[in-house]
Structure formats: structure tokens, C-alpha cells
C-alpha atoms as a PDB file:
ATOM      1  CA  MET A   1     -11.933  63.209  -5.707  1.00  0.00           C
ATOM      2  CA  LEU A   2     -13.998  66.218  -4.652  1.00  0.00           C
ATOM      3  CA  ILE A   3     -16.717  67.106  -7.109  1.00  0.00           C
ATOM      4  CA  GLU A   4     -17.631  70.755  -6.694  1.00  0.00           C
ATOM      5  CA  LYS A   5     -20.632  70.844  -8.991  1.00  0.00           C
ATOM      6  CA  LEU A   6     -22.556  68.688 -11.447  1.00  0.00           C
ATOM      7  CA  GLY A   7     -24.854  69.946 -14.207  1.00  0.00           C
ATOM      8  CA  PHE A   8     -26.838  68.757 -17.209  1.00  0.00           C
ATOM      9  CA  ASP A   9     -27.138  70.161 -20.695  1.00  0.00           C
ATOM     10  CA  ASP A  10     -30.536  69.626 -22.303  1.00  0.00           C
ATOM     11  CA  VAL A  11     -32.008  66.285 -21.278  1.00  0.00           C
ATOM     12  CA  ARG A  12     -33.701  64.789 -24.312  1.00  0.00           C
ATOM     13  CA  TYR A  13     -35.551  61.585 -25.140  1.00  0.00           C
ATOM     14  CA  ASN A  14     -34.328  59.393 -27.985  1.00  0.00           C
ATOM     15  CA  PRO A  15     -37.283  57.279 -29.149  1.00  0.00           C
ATOM     16  CA  GLU A  16     -35.046  55.133 -31.350  1.00  0.00           C
ATOM     17  CA  LEU A  17     -33.212  53.833 -28.256  1.00  0.00           C
ATOM     18  CA  SER A  18     -36.064  54.375 -25.764  1.00  0.00           C
ATOM     19  CA  ALA A  19     -33.560  56.295 -23.660  1.00  0.00           C
ATOM     20  CA  PHE A  20     -32.966  59.691 -22.126  1.00  0.00           C
ATOM     21  CA  GLU A  21     -29.701  61.377 -23.133  1.00  0.00           C
ATOM     22  CA  ALA A  22     -27.736  64.333 -21.800  1.00  0.00           C
ATOM     23  CA  SER A  23     -24.295  65.799 -21.631  1.00  0.00           C
ATOM     24  CA  VAL A  24     -23.315  65.936 -17.956  1.00  0.00           C
ATOM     25  CA  GLN A  25     -20.673  68.391 -16.747  1.00  0.00           C
ATOM     26  CA  ILE A  26     -18.631  67.684 -13.643  1.00  0.00           C
ATOM     27  CA  TRP A  27     -16.634  70.499 -12.015  1.00  0.00           C
ATOM     28  CA  GLU A  28     -13.566  69.221 -10.148  1.00  0.00           C
ATOM     29  CA  LYS A  29     -10.464  71.121  -9.009  1.00  0.00           C
ATOM     30  CA  GLY A  30     -11.182  74.094 -11.270  1.00  0.00           C
ATOM     31  CA  HIS A  31     -11.711  71.961 -14.391  1.00  0.00           C
ATOM     32  CA  VAL A  32     -14.950  71.067 -16.147  1.00  0.00           C
ATOM     33  CA  TYR A  33     -15.319  67.561 -17.591  1.00  0.00           C
ATOM     34  CA  SER A  34     -18.181  66.639 -19.926  1.00  0.00           C
ATOM     35  CA  TYR A  35     -19.619  63.150 -20.395  1.00  0.00           C
ATOM     36  CA  PRO A  36     -22.333  62.139 -22.876  1.00  0.00           C
ATOM     37  CA  VAL A  37     -24.560  59.615 -21.087  1.00  0.00           C
ATOM     38  CA  HIS A  38     -27.878  57.863 -21.679  1.00  0.00           C
ATOM     39  CA  MET A  39     -30.336  55.890 -19.600  1.00  0.00           C
ATOM     40  CA  LEU A  40     -32.924  53.409 -20.860  1.00  0.00           C
ATOM     41  CA  ALA A  41     -36.338  54.425 -19.547  1.00  0.00           C
ATOM     42  CA  PRO A  42     -39.871  54.923 -20.843  1.00  0.00           C
ATOM     43  CA  LEU A  43     -40.937  58.395 -21.928  1.00  0.00           C
ATOM     44  CA  HIS A  44     -43.238  58.759 -18.901  1.00  0.00           C
ATOM     45  CA  ALA A  45     -40.505  57.984 -16.303  1.00  0.00           C
ATOM     46  CA  GLU A  46     -40.157  60.398 -13.360  1.00  0.00           C
ATOM     47  CA  PHE A  47     -37.511  63.083 -13.784  1.00  0.00           C
ATOM     48  CA  GLY A  48     -35.930  62.281 -10.401  1.00  0.00           C
ATOM     49  CA  LEU A  49     -35.256  58.718 -11.541  1.00  0.00           C
ATOM     50  CA  ILE A  50     -33.855  59.954 -14.861  1.00  0.00           C
ATOM     51  CA  ALA A  51     -31.613  62.559 -13.192  1.00  0.00           C
ATOM     52  CA  ARG A  52     -30.228  59.982 -10.736  1.00  0.00           C
ATOM     53  CA  GLY A  53     -29.546  57.498 -13.533  1.00  0.00           C
ATOM     54  CA  LEU A  54     -27.764  60.031 -15.736  1.00  0.00           C
ATOM     55  CA  THR A  55     -25.780  61.329 -12.736  1.00  0.00           C
ATOM     56  CA  GLU A  56     -24.671  57.820 -11.722  1.00  0.00           C
ATOM     57  CA  ARG A  57     -23.516  57.020 -15.253  1.00  0.00           C
ATOM     58  CA  ALA A  58     -21.550  60.267 -15.536  1.00  0.00           C
ATOM     59  CA  LEU A  59     -19.907  59.749 -12.131  1.00  0.00           C
ATOM     60  CA  ARG A  60     -18.995  56.183 -13.074  1.00  0.00           C
ATOM     61  CA  ALA A  61     -17.423  57.407 -16.322  1.00  0.00           C
ATOM     62  CA  HIS A  62     -15.586  60.136 -14.405  1.00  0.00           C
ATOM     63  CA  ARG A  63     -14.187  57.775 -11.758  1.00  0.00           C
ATOM     64  CA  HIS A  64     -13.294  54.918 -14.073  1.00  0.00           C
ATOM     65  CA  ALA A  65     -11.962  56.747 -17.117  1.00  0.00           C
ATOM     66  CA  PRO A  66      -9.306  54.361 -18.512  1.00  0.00           C
ATOM     67  CA  ALA A  67      -6.877  57.191 -19.053  1.00  0.00           C
ATOM     68  CA  ARG A  68      -7.757  60.362 -17.219  1.00  0.00           C
ATOM     69  CA  GLY A  69      -6.087  62.418 -19.952  1.00  0.00           C
ATOM     70  CA  ILE A  70      -8.737  61.220 -22.423  1.00  0.00           C
ATOM     71  CA  ARG A  71     -11.561  62.999 -20.578  1.00  0.00           C
ATOM     72  CA  LEU A  72     -13.336  65.782 -22.454  1.00  0.00           C
ATOM     73  CA  ARG A  73     -12.116  68.789 -20.509  1.00  0.00           C
ATOM     74  CA  ARG A  74     -13.781  72.170 -20.958  1.00  0.00           C
ATOM     75  CA  THR A  75     -12.455  75.546 -19.902  1.00  0.00           C
ATOM     76  CA  PRO A  76     -14.607  76.985 -17.106  1.00  0.00           C
ATOM     77  CA  VAL A  77     -16.180  80.387 -17.675  1.00  0.00           C
ATOM     78  CA  PRO A  78     -14.639  82.827 -15.198  1.00  0.00           C
ATOM     79  CA  GLY A  79     -17.103  84.769 -13.039  1.00  0.00           C
ATOM     80  CA  GLU A  80     -20.689  85.618 -13.823  1.00  0.00           C
ATOM     81  CA  LEU A  81     -22.194  87.416 -16.771  1.00  0.00           C
ATOM     82  CA  PRO A  82     -22.796  91.113 -16.074  1.00  0.00           C
ATOM     83  CA  LYS A  83     -26.247  91.824 -14.681  1.00  0.00           C
ATOM     84  CA  THR A  84     -26.760  94.849 -16.952  1.00  0.00           C
ATOM     85  CA  LEU A  85     -25.124  95.851 -20.182  1.00  0.00           C
ATOM     86  CA  GLU A  86     -24.200  99.375 -21.124  1.00  0.00           C
ATOM     87  CA  ARG A  87     -25.685 100.614 -24.397  1.00  0.00           C
ATOM     88  CA  SER A  88     -22.169 100.843 -25.848  1.00  0.00           C
ATOM     89  CA  GLU A  89     -21.717  97.106 -25.227  1.00  0.00           C
ATOM     90  CA  LEU A  90     -24.755  96.324 -27.367  1.00  0.00           C
ATOM     91  CA  ARG A  91     -23.288  98.044 -30.430  1.00  0.00           C
ATOM     92  CA  ARG A  92     -21.054  96.362 -32.963  1.00  0.00           C
ATOM     93  CA  PRO A  93     -18.692  98.592 -34.885  1.00  0.00           C
ATOM     94  CA  GLY A  94     -20.537 100.035 -37.864  1.00  0.00           C
ATOM     95  CA  THR A  95     -24.006  98.945 -36.734  1.00  0.00           C
ATOM     96  CA  ALA A  96     -26.957 100.482 -34.943  1.00  0.00           C
ATOM     97  CA  ILE A  97     -27.687  99.907 -31.260  1.00  0.00           C
ATOM     98  CA  ALA A  98     -29.491  96.619 -30.620  1.00  0.00           C
ATOM     99  CA  ALA A  99     -33.096  96.862 -29.473  1.00  0.00           C
END
């Protein structure tokens, strides 16, 4: 298993559970897998500790998925977004140019 990249969606604190939560994406062999994970920690915990905990839980879920076909698989976005947009790209049919 070669993980090419790992990323977090918004990391948020859930005061009801006293836990940090995030959706962690793992890129492997051209596929993106998403895992919702949480980690019990106080609100003032260091981000490095939180990031490691969320990463470990996502990797554990990725490695030990009972049936690998059950994973939440997302389609990767090909390439990068264009650096600049032409004015014609900012216009919808029948509307004015966006500011």
C-alpha cells in the first residue's frame, strides 16, 4: 500500500464529544478515499497532536477496512484549476460579466 497523499477537510471541535473531527482524504493508486474520523482531546490541545491522531485513525481505517469495496471512494480532480480565467469564462449565458 503506497499512499501518495493525505489531506484534511476542515478540522472542527465538537464540544458535545470533547473531540476534534475531520474528514481525511487518502490518495492511493489514483483513487481518493475519504474517512470521517475523530479524536478525543481538549480544546486547547496542540494542532500537531491533533493532526497525528486524526491521521493515525484514518490510516487504521484505510488499512483495516473490513471490505475494501465499502470504502468511500471519491473521483480525483484531474489537473489544476486554471491560474487565470478569460472574461468569457466568467459569463453565464444570458447574464452580465461577473465582477
